[in-house]
C-alpha atoms as a PDB file:
ATOM      1  CA  MET A   1     -53.487 235.470  93.142  1.00  0.00           C
ATOM      2  CA  THR A   2     -56.195 232.594  93.593  1.00  0.00           C
ATOM      3  CA  ALA A   3     -55.091 229.091  93.812  1.00  0.00           C
ATOM      4  CA  THR A   4     -56.398 226.863  91.133  1.00  0.00           C
ATOM      5  CA  THR A   5     -57.283 223.277  92.494  1.00  0.00           C
ATOM      6  CA  GLY A   6     -58.318 221.929  89.099  1.00  0.00           C
ATOM      7  CA  LEU A   7     -61.324 220.720  87.749  1.00  0.00           C
ATOM      8  CA  PRO A   8     -61.842 216.713  87.223  1.00  0.00           C
ATOM      9  CA  PRO A   9     -59.928 215.642  84.238  1.00  0.00           C
ATOM     10  CA  CYS A  10     -63.391 214.616  82.654  1.00  0.00           C
ATOM     11  CA  VAL A  11     -64.052 218.118  82.070  1.00  0.00           C
ATOM     12  CA  ARG A  12     -61.600 218.499  79.295  1.00  0.00           C
ATOM     13  CA  GLY A  13     -63.090 219.618  75.989  1.00  0.00           C
ATOM     14  CA  ARG A  14     -66.654 219.928  77.550  1.00  0.00           C
ATOM     15  CA  PHE A  15     -66.649 223.964  77.944  1.00  0.00           C
ATOM     16  CA  ASP A  16     -66.015 226.163  74.711  1.00  0.00           C
ATOM     17  CA  GLU A  17     -63.379 228.289  75.831  1.00  0.00           C
ATOM     18  CA  LEU A  18     -64.645 231.036  73.416  1.00  0.00           C
ATOM     19  CA  GLN A  19     -68.042 231.146  75.217  1.00  0.00           C
ATOM     20  CA  SER A  20     -67.351 229.768  78.903  1.00  0.00           C
ATOM     21  CA  PHE A  21     -65.051 230.043  81.929  1.00  0.00           C
ATOM     22  CA  ALA A  22     -64.563 227.114  84.272  1.00  0.00           C
ATOM     23  CA  ALA A  23     -62.446 226.678  87.159  1.00  0.00           C
ATOM     24  CA  LEU A  24     -62.380 225.404  90.324  1.00  0.00           C
ATOM     25  CA  LEU A  25     -60.511 227.166  93.083  1.00  0.00           C
ATOM     26  CA  ALA A  26     -59.230 227.140  96.616  1.00  0.00           C
ATOM     27  CA  ARG A  27     -61.521 229.518  98.682  1.00  0.00           C
ATOM     28  CA  THR A  28     -59.469 232.645  99.883  1.00  0.00           C
ATOM     29  CA  GLY A  29     -61.438 233.647 102.958  1.00  0.00           C
ATOM     30  CA  GLU A  30     -64.670 234.246 104.512  1.00  0.00           C
ATOM     31  CA  ASP A  31     -66.437 236.148 101.660  1.00  0.00           C
ATOM     32  CA  TRP A  32     -66.272 233.570  98.758  1.00  0.00           C
ATOM     33  CA  ARG A  33     -67.312 236.422  96.268  1.00  0.00           C
ATOM     34  CA  VAL A  34     -63.819 237.606  96.501  1.00  0.00           C
ATOM     35  CA  THR A  35     -62.494 234.367  95.236  1.00  0.00           C
ATOM     36  CA  VAL A  36     -64.902 234.625  92.334  1.00  0.00           C
ATOM     37  CA  MET A  37     -63.892 238.166  91.622  1.00  0.00           C
ATOM     38  CA  GLU A  38     -60.099 237.248  91.639  1.00  0.00           C
ATOM     39  CA  SER A  39     -60.422 234.445  89.407  1.00  0.00           C
ATOM     40  CA  ILE A  40     -62.554 236.224  86.517  1.00  0.00           C
ATOM     41  CA  ARG A  41     -60.331 239.659  87.048  1.00  0.00           C
ATOM     42  CA  GLY A  42     -58.494 239.168  83.905  1.00  0.00           C
ATOM     43  CA  HIS A  43     -60.968 237.556  81.552  1.00  0.00           C
ATOM     44  CA  PRO A  44     -61.801 239.718  78.655  1.00  0.00           C
ATOM     45  CA  VAL A  45     -65.579 239.266  79.137  1.00  0.00           C
ATOM     46  CA  LEU A  46     -65.910 238.566  82.795  1.00  0.00           C
ATOM     47  CA  ARG A  47     -63.660 241.458  83.957  1.00  0.00           C
ATOM     48  CA  HIS A  48     -66.906 243.617  83.599  1.00  0.00           C
ATOM     49  CA  VAL A  49     -68.674 241.743  86.437  1.00  0.00           C
ATOM     50  CA  ASP A  50     -69.312 244.196  89.160  1.00  0.00           C
ATOM     51  CA  ARG A  51     -69.213 242.576  92.859  1.00  0.00           C
ATOM     52  CA  ARG A  52     -72.149 244.369  93.956  1.00  0.00           C
ATOM     53  CA  GLU A  53     -74.182 242.987  91.154  1.00  0.00           C
ATOM     54  CA  LEU A  54     -72.689 239.622  91.601  1.00  0.00           C
ATOM     55  CA  GLN A  55     -73.787 239.711  95.339  1.00  0.00           C
ATOM     56  CA  ASP A  56     -77.430 241.122  94.575  1.00  0.00           C
ATOM     57  CA  SER A  57     -78.197 238.963  91.460  1.00  0.00           C
ATOM     58  CA  LEU A  58     -77.595 235.275  92.467  1.00  0.00           C
ATOM     59  CA  LEU A  59     -80.147 232.939  93.975  1.00  0.00           C
ATOM     60  CA  GLU A  60     -79.272 229.580  95.328  1.00  0.00           C
ATOM     61  CA  VAL A  61     -80.197 226.472  93.762  1.00  0.00           C
ATOM     62  CA  SER A  62     -80.314 222.503  94.769  1.00  0.00           C
ATOM     63  CA  PRO A  63     -77.644 220.278  93.661  1.00  0.00           C
ATOM     64  CA  SER A  64     -80.113 218.538  91.067  1.00  0.00           C
ATOM     65  CA  GLN A  65     -80.773 222.015  89.635  1.00  0.00           C
ATOM     66  CA  ALA A  66     -76.920 222.579  89.653  1.00  0.00           C
ATOM     67  CA  VAL A  67     -76.528 219.258  87.246  1.00  0.00           C
ATOM     68  CA  GLU A  68     -78.954 220.842  84.717  1.00  0.00           C
ATOM     69  CA  LEU A  69     -76.822 224.236  84.918  1.00  0.00           C
ATOM     70  CA  VAL A  70     -73.552 222.710  84.360  1.00  0.00           C
ATOM     71  CA  GLY A  71     -75.260 220.995  81.348  1.00  0.00           C
ATOM     72  CA  LEU A  72     -76.492 224.190  79.727  1.00  0.00           C
ATOM     73  CA  ILE A  73     -73.061 225.954  80.482  1.00  0.00           C
ATOM     74  CA  SER A  74     -71.190 223.331  78.796  1.00  0.00           C
ATOM     75  CA  VAL A  75     -73.438 222.720  75.644  1.00  0.00           C
ATOM     76  CA  GLY A  76     -76.179 224.740  75.649  1.00  0.00           C
ATOM     77  CA  SER A  77     -76.687 228.233  73.810  1.00  0.00           C
ATOM     78  CA  LEU A  78     -78.164 231.159  75.963  1.00  0.00           C
ATOM     79  CA  VAL A  79     -79.372 232.500  72.394  1.00  0.00           C
ATOM     80  CA  HIS A  80     -80.777 229.566  70.833  1.00  0.00           C
ATOM     81  CA  GLY A  81     -81.710 227.322  74.016  1.00  0.00           C
ATOM     82  CA  PRO A  82     -80.150 224.343  75.438  1.00  0.00           C
ATOM     83  CA  SER A  83     -79.094 221.512  73.184  1.00  0.00           C
ATOM     84  CA  GLU A  84     -81.771 218.820  73.066  1.00  0.00           C
ATOM     85  CA  SER A  85     -79.224 216.373  73.907  1.00  0.00           C
ATOM     86  CA  LEU A  86     -79.179 217.557  77.428  1.00  0.00           C
ATOM     87  CA  ARG A  87     -82.790 216.147  77.881  1.00  0.00           C
ATOM     88  CA  VAL A  88     -81.412 212.836  76.844  1.00  0.00           C
ATOM     89  CA  PRO A  89     -79.472 210.844  79.331  1.00  0.00           C
ATOM     90  CA  ASN A  90     -75.986 210.167  78.789  1.00  0.00           C
ATOM     91  CA  ALA A  91     -74.109 208.159  81.298  1.00  0.00           C
ATOM     92  CA  GLU A  92     -70.287 209.447  80.496  1.00  0.00           C
ATOM     93  CA  ARG A  93     -71.363 213.194  80.372  1.00  0.00           C
ATOM     94  CA  ASP A  94     -74.084 213.026  83.516  1.00  0.00           C
ATOM     95  CA  ALA A  95     -71.267 211.373  85.536  1.00  0.00           C
ATOM     96  CA  CYS A  96     -68.883 214.037  84.669  1.00  0.00           C
ATOM     97  CA  LEU A  97     -71.137 216.738  85.584  1.00  0.00           C
ATOM     98  CA  ARG A  98     -71.948 215.454  88.707  1.00  0.00           C
ATOM     99  CA  GLU A  99     -68.154 214.801  89.359  1.00  0.00           C
ATOM    100  CA  VAL A 100     -67.554 218.591  88.663  1.00  0.00           C
ATOM    101  CA  LEU A 101     -69.971 219.382  91.490  1.00  0.00           C
ATOM    102  CA  ARG A 102     -68.686 216.909  94.007  1.00  0.00           C
ATOM    103  CA  ALA A 103     -65.423 218.349  93.407  1.00  0.00           C
ATOM    104  CA  VAL A 104     -66.543 221.639  95.240  1.00  0.00           C
ATOM    105  CA  GLY A 105     -66.384 219.599  98.494  1.00  0.00           C
ATOM    106  CA  ASN A 106     -68.935 218.508 101.251  1.00  0.00           C
ATOM    107  CA  GLY A 107     -71.785 220.987 102.111  1.00  0.00           C
ATOM    108  CA  ALA A 108     -71.138 222.862  98.882  1.00  0.00           C
ATOM    109  CA  ARG A 109     -74.067 225.454  98.028  1.00  0.00           C
ATOM    110  CA  PHE A 110     -74.977 226.343  94.571  1.00  0.00           C
ATOM    111  CA  PHE A 111     -75.721 229.963  93.161  1.00  0.00           C
ATOM    112  CA  THR A 112     -76.805 231.189  89.996  1.00  0.00           C
ATOM    113  CA  ASN A 113     -78.119 234.239  88.129  1.00  0.00           C
ATOM    114  CA  HIS A 114     -80.488 232.154  85.903  1.00  0.00           C
ATOM    115  CA  GLY A 115     -84.153 233.391  85.895  1.00  0.00           C
ATOM    116  CA  HIS A 116     -85.492 230.231  86.691  1.00  0.00           C
ATOM    117  CA  ALA A 117     -83.913 230.118  89.877  1.00  0.00           C
ATOM    118  CA  GLU A 118     -87.012 232.328  91.030  1.00  0.00           C
ATOM    119  CA  ASP A 119     -89.080 229.403  90.775  1.00  0.00           C
ATOM    120  CA  GLY A 120     -87.403 227.302  93.395  1.00  0.00           C
ATOM    121  CA  GLU A 121     -87.469 223.674  92.990  1.00  0.00           C
ATOM    122  CA  GLU A 122     -89.871 224.020  90.071  1.00  0.00           C
ATOM    123  CA  GLY A 123     -87.288 225.668  88.158  1.00  0.00           C
ATOM    124  CA  ASP A 124     -86.363 224.257  84.633  1.00  0.00           C
ATOM    125  CA  PHE A 125     -83.116 225.270  83.514  1.00  0.00           C
ATOM    126  CA  LEU A 126     -83.365 223.701  80.125  1.00  0.00           C
ATOM    127  CA  ALA A 127     -86.385 225.517  79.030  1.00  0.00           C
ATOM    128  CA  SER A 128     -85.914 226.942  75.950  1.00  0.00           C
ATOM    129  CA  SER A 129     -86.670 230.460  77.040  1.00  0.00           C
ATOM    130  CA  PHE A 130     -85.545 232.088  79.907  1.00  0.00           C
ATOM    131  CA  HIS A 131     -84.209 235.478  81.678  1.00  0.00           C
ATOM    132  CA  ALA A 132     -81.032 236.028  83.473  1.00  0.00           C
ATOM    133  CA  ASP A 133     -79.602 238.875  85.620  1.00  0.00           C
ATOM    134  CA  VAL A 134     -76.855 239.700  83.165  1.00  0.00           C
ATOM    135  CA  LEU A 135     -73.794 240.506  84.853  1.00  0.00           C
ATOM    136  CA  ALA A 136     -71.017 240.465  82.459  1.00  0.00           C
ATOM    137  CA  GLY A 137     -71.984 243.690  80.584  1.00  0.00           C
ATOM    138  CA  LEU A 138     -72.934 243.690  76.756  1.00  0.00           C
ATOM    139  CA  THR A 139     -73.313 239.976  76.512  1.00  0.00           C
ATOM    140  CA  ILE A 140     -76.039 237.605  78.006  1.00  0.00           C
ATOM    141  CA  ASP A 141     -74.467 235.379  80.494  1.00  0.00           C
ATOM    142  CA  VAL A 142     -75.357 232.581  82.884  1.00  0.00           C
ATOM    143  CA  CYS A 143     -73.140 231.544  85.761  1.00  0.00           C
ATOM    144  CA  LEU A 144     -73.023 228.686  88.183  1.00  0.00           C
ATOM    145  CA  LEU A 145     -71.197 229.314  91.177  1.00  0.00           C
ATOM    146  CA  GLY A 146     -70.465 226.373  93.785  1.00  0.00           C
ATOM    147  CA  VAL A 147     -68.967 227.088  97.403  1.00  0.00           C
ATOM    148  CA  SER A 148     -67.915 224.919 100.145  1.00  0.00           C
ATOM    149  CA  ASP A 149     -65.687 225.753 103.250  1.00  0.00           C
ATOM    150  CA  GLU A 150     -62.595 224.863 101.074  1.00  0.00           C
ATOM    151  CA  ASN A 151     -63.342 225.360  97.188  1.00  0.00           C
ATOM    152  CA  VAL A 152     -65.248 227.904  95.114  1.00  0.00           C
ATOM    153  CA  LEU A 153     -66.252 226.386  91.588  1.00  0.00           C
ATOM    154  CA  VAL A 154     -66.921 229.261  88.884  1.00  0.00           C
ATOM    155  CA  LEU A 155     -68.613 228.133  85.758  1.00  0.00           C
ATOM    156  CA  TRP A 156     -69.997 230.832  83.134  1.00  0.00           C
ATOM    157  CA  ARG A 157     -71.487 230.925  79.905  1.00  0.00           C
ATOM    158  CA  PHE A 158     -71.503 234.199  77.755  1.00  0.00           C
ATOM    159  CA  GLU A 159     -72.700 235.123  74.452  1.00  0.00           C
ATOM    160  CA  GLU A 160     -73.453 238.222  72.536  1.00  0.00           C
ATOM    161  CA  ASP A 161     -77.101 238.753  71.550  1.00  0.00           C
END
């Protein structure tokens, strides 16, 4: 069983439980992917994720790009595109999203299956069209995984096409 360390209180109500998964967990060993797989094992959609695909389909993104991805996962649509509200600064929302990323811990690295990660620092994760390496079977899905020596952040959005 993976120990949950808990997301910051500001995230309450920010992630649609029918179309997303959000957890901050204590890292259980050297390979952080084990912690991710343990956390999603019983989830009705994410249980279809294959560990090998998870390993092969992720690209690293910068912390500033991770903020965009947290926003997309929290209020964007993978089918209809991100909410336009994400392009408009919102002090409360933006502070919460940064707090979520800080909760991962010092030296955190961030990974995603979102296709714009291929563009490096030029990647626009709020673009209305994008591709992703689908990991969750018959759905469209985008994940953001944050990893530090202590914790693993698992944020995932999934929608039927």
